[in-house]
Amino acid sequence: MIDRFEQFSISIFNISHYWNKIAAEEMKDYGLRGGYALYLIVLSRSDNDITAAKLAELCQRDKGDVSRAISAFQKAGLLEPYGKNRYRAPLILTEEGRKTVDQLAAKASALLELAGEGLTVEMRENLYPSLDLIAKNMKRISEKSTI
């Protein structure tokens, strides 16, 4: 019988693995890495007031990875070039960037519908708050000690 730790670990790993695989396939169409999809979605939700440091914080990602993504977005014409103050400059999607994000968001929404097939409304209403709570608790625990 699988215990809670094993079930939790395997489920989280599988979700992450398959999400990354699907995102890589979708982002290939744009010539970008799969992991960059989240950055674009988060940028689209901001009001042009998000910096690279804030994007890294919101996405819980390494600043170096965010910097590489920004460079790739600018080369692809999805983000406005930096102004004078590179590190504190707001990240602003271009019109092409907004179109790309709209396409990605539609695909992500459709994917979540397929991934959630078989979930009842009640299960869905409990799932996301439960995952958020587990993530917050895991963060708190990781900041205090180890197992």
Protein backbone atom coordinates (compact mmCIF):
# COMPACT_ATOMS: atom_id res chain seq x y z
CA MET A 1 0.00 0.00 0.00
CA ILE A 2 1.27 3.45 -0.89
CA ASP A 3 1.65 5.79 2.07
CA ARG A 4 0.78 9.51 2.04
CA PHE A 5 4.37 10.67 1.54
CA GLU A 6 4.91 8.41 -1.45
CA GLN A 7 1.54 9.23 -3.00
CA PHE A 8 2.02 12.97 -2.49
CA SER A 9 5.60 12.92 -3.84
CA ILE A 10 4.80 10.83 -6.89
CA SER A 11 1.66 12.83 -7.72
CA ILE A 12 3.42 16.20 -7.42
CA PHE A 13 6.39 14.93 -9.43
CA ASN A 14 4.12 13.57 -12.17
CA ILE A 15 2.07 16.76 -12.40
CA SER A 16 5.25 18.82 -12.67
CA HIS A 17 6.84 16.42 -15.16
CA TYR A 18 3.88 16.32 -17.52
CA TRP A 19 3.18 20.05 -17.19
CA ASN A 20 6.80 20.79 -18.18
CA LYS A 21 6.58 18.35 -21.09
CA ILE A 22 3.37 19.94 -22.39
CA ALA A 23 4.66 23.50 -21.83
CA ALA A 24 7.89 22.68 -23.70
CA GLU A 25 5.89 21.39 -26.65
CA GLU A 26 3.62 24.46 -26.70
CA MET A 27 6.44 26.99 -26.29
CA LYS A 28 8.45 25.32 -29.05
CA ASP A 29 6.05 26.97 -31.49
CA TYR A 30 7.36 30.34 -30.24
CA GLY A 31 11.01 29.28 -30.13
CA LEU A 32 11.02 29.56 -26.31
CA ARG A 33 11.63 27.22 -23.40
CA GLY A 34 8.61 25.61 -21.75
CA GLY A 35 9.43 27.06 -18.34
CA TYR A 36 9.00 30.55 -19.75
CA ALA A 37 5.24 30.14 -20.19
CA LEU A 38 4.58 31.01 -16.55
CA TYR A 39 6.58 34.23 -16.86
CA LEU A 40 4.46 35.40 -19.78
CA ILE A 41 1.20 34.60 -18.01
CA VAL A 42 2.31 36.46 -14.86
CA LEU A 43 3.49 39.43 -16.95
CA SER A 44 0.13 39.61 -18.67
CA ARG A 45 -1.60 39.92 -15.29
CA SER A 46 0.52 42.89 -14.23
CA ASP A 47 -0.21 46.49 -15.12
CA ASN A 48 3.20 47.12 -16.66
CA ASP A 49 4.61 47.70 -13.20
CA ILE A 50 6.50 44.46 -12.67
CA THR A 51 10.31 44.32 -12.64
CA ALA A 52 12.57 41.33 -13.27
CA ALA A 53 13.17 40.96 -9.52
CA LYS A 54 9.43 41.01 -8.79
CA LEU A 55 8.78 38.47 -11.57
CA ALA A 56 11.38 36.12 -10.05
CA GLU A 57 9.76 36.52 -6.64
CA LEU A 58 6.21 35.95 -7.89
CA CYS A 59 7.18 32.87 -9.89
CA GLN A 60 9.54 31.54 -7.19
CA ARG A 61 12.30 31.25 -9.78
CA ASP A 62 15.98 32.03 -9.99
CA LYS A 63 16.82 35.61 -11.06
CA GLY A 64 19.24 34.25 -13.66
CA ASP A 65 16.53 32.18 -15.32
CA VAL A 66 14.19 35.18 -15.33
CA SER A 67 16.93 37.30 -16.89
CA ARG A 68 17.49 34.73 -19.65
CA ALA A 69 13.75 34.57 -20.28
CA ILE A 70 13.51 38.36 -20.52
CA SER A 71 16.34 38.41 -23.03
CA ALA A 72 14.62 35.71 -25.09
CA PHE A 73 11.30 37.60 -24.93
CA GLN A 74 12.96 40.81 -26.10
CA LYS A 75 14.71 38.99 -28.98
CA ALA A 76 11.38 37.44 -29.98
CA GLY A 77 9.67 40.85 -29.90
CA LEU A 78 7.38 39.92 -27.01
CA LEU A 79 8.76 42.46 -24.51
CA GLU A 80 9.72 46.09 -24.97
CA PRO A 81 13.48 46.68 -24.82
CA TYR A 82 14.86 47.92 -21.51
CA GLY A 83 15.11 51.63 -20.94
CA LYS A 84 18.03 53.29 -19.18
CA ASN A 85 17.58 51.52 -15.85
CA ARG A 86 17.76 47.84 -16.81
CA TYR A 87 17.37 46.28 -13.36
CA ARG A 88 14.50 48.40 -12.13
CA ALA A 89 12.75 48.89 -15.45
CA PRO A 90 9.16 47.68 -15.73
CA LEU A 91 8.64 44.74 -18.06
CA ILE A 92 6.13 45.69 -20.75
CA LEU A 93 4.64 43.22 -23.20
CA THR A 94 4.49 44.31 -26.83
CA GLU A 95 1.33 43.87 -28.87
CA GLU A 96 2.85 40.64 -30.22
CA GLY A 97 3.58 39.61 -26.64
CA ARG A 98 -0.05 40.18 -25.65
CA LYS A 99 -1.27 38.10 -28.61
CA THR A 100 1.12 35.31 -27.65
CA VAL A 101 -0.04 35.39 -24.03
CA ASP A 102 -3.69 35.28 -25.10
CA GLN A 103 -2.95 32.16 -27.16
CA LEU A 104 -1.02 30.56 -24.29
CA ALA A 105 -3.75 31.38 -21.77
CA ALA A 106 -6.40 29.81 -23.98
CA LYS A 107 -4.28 26.67 -24.40
CA ALA A 108 -3.56 26.50 -20.65
CA SER A 109 -7.26 26.84 -19.85
CA ALA A 110 -8.13 24.05 -22.27
CA LEU A 111 -5.36 21.90 -20.81
CA LEU A 112 -6.64 22.39 -17.26
CA GLU A 113 -10.13 21.38 -18.39
CA LEU A 114 -8.73 18.16 -19.84
CA ALA A 115 -6.49 17.54 -16.83
CA GLY A 116 -9.44 18.05 -14.49
CA GLU A 117 -11.63 15.58 -16.33
CA GLY A 118 -13.54 13.51 -13.79
CA LEU A 119 -13.34 16.10 -11.01
CA THR A 120 -16.64 17.13 -9.52
CA VAL A 121 -17.37 20.80 -8.88
CA GLU A 122 -16.82 20.18 -5.17
CA MET A 123 -13.49 18.46 -5.77
CA ARG A 124 -12.33 21.35 -7.98
CA GLU A 125 -13.43 23.95 -5.40
CA ASN A 126 -11.36 22.15 -2.75
CA LEU A 127 -8.34 21.30 -4.88
CA TYR A 128 -6.74 24.69 -5.49
CA PRO A 129 -7.17 26.10 -1.96
CA SER A 130 -5.82 22.80 -0.62
CA LEU A 131 -2.77 22.96 -2.88
CA ASP A 132 -2.15 26.59 -1.89
CA LEU A 133 -2.35 25.69 1.79
CA ILE A 134 0.05 22.77 1.37
CA ALA A 135 2.49 25.01 -0.52
CA LYS A 136 2.37 27.69 2.18
CA ASN A 137 2.86 25.10 4.91
CA MET A 138 5.77 23.49 3.04
CA LYS A 139 7.40 26.90 2.62
CA ARG A 140 7.03 27.63 6.34
CA ILE A 141 8.42 24.23 7.27
CA SER A 142 11.34 24.54 4.85
CA GLU A 143 12.30 27.89 6.34
CA LYS A 144 12.38 26.48 9.88
CA SER A 145 13.99 23.08 9.65
CA THR A 146 14.39 19.83 7.79
CA ILE A 147 12.78 16.43 8.30
